[in-house]
C-alpha cells in the first residue's frame, strides 16, 4: 500500500504527549468527573477554515480501558490489523463525552485521559472513531484506513491553553517501538484559545 499521499506526524510534541497519556498516564486527583471545554479550531488544509469546538468530558477512561488499548498496539505487529482491532475495542467502550462544532452534530468520544504537567497544568487526550459518511462507507477509499479522530490539548493552572485535532488518523507502534500517528493528506487542525467552562 502506497503512503505517498499520507503524512506522518511522529514529531516530538504530539507523539510524546500521546505516549505519556496513552501509554503511561497517571491519574489526576481533585478533578470533577464532568468537564466542559471550548476552543477555536483553525484548519489550514486547503482553504483556511475556522470553527468553535466544544469538548464535553463526562467520564475519564479507566486504567483497565487504557491497558486494553495499549495491549492491542504493542502485541499486534501488522499496523492494519492493529488499527482494526483498536477501532473495534474503542467502539465497544462506553461514551466518555462528546465533541461538536457550531455547525455539526455532536459525535461521541470513547476515550479521555489526562496527565499532569510539571508547571501544575495538565495534558488531555480524547479519542474516538472518525465520523464516516455514507459515500465513503460504500466506496471504501483509502481514507477508511485512517479511522480515528484525536484531540490533544495542554492547559495551564487556569485551565486555558491550546492543542491540536487530528481527524483521519491511524496509530501504531513502529519497528523502533515508537508510537506513530499517521494522517491522511492533511495537517493537524490547530486548537487555540481553549478554556474550561464553569
Foldseek 3Di string as FASTA:
>chain_A
DDCPQWAWDQDCVPLVLCCAWLVPADADPPDDAKWKKKWKKWFPQPPIDIWIKIWIFNGADDPVLSVVLVCLQVVDQDQQVSQVVNQVSQVPADFGTWMDTPPDDIDTWRHWTWHADPQGWIKIKIKHFADDDPVCVVVVDPLVSQTMKMWMWIAHNQQWTWTWIAHSWGWHQHPVRGIIIMHRNGDTIITHGMHIDD
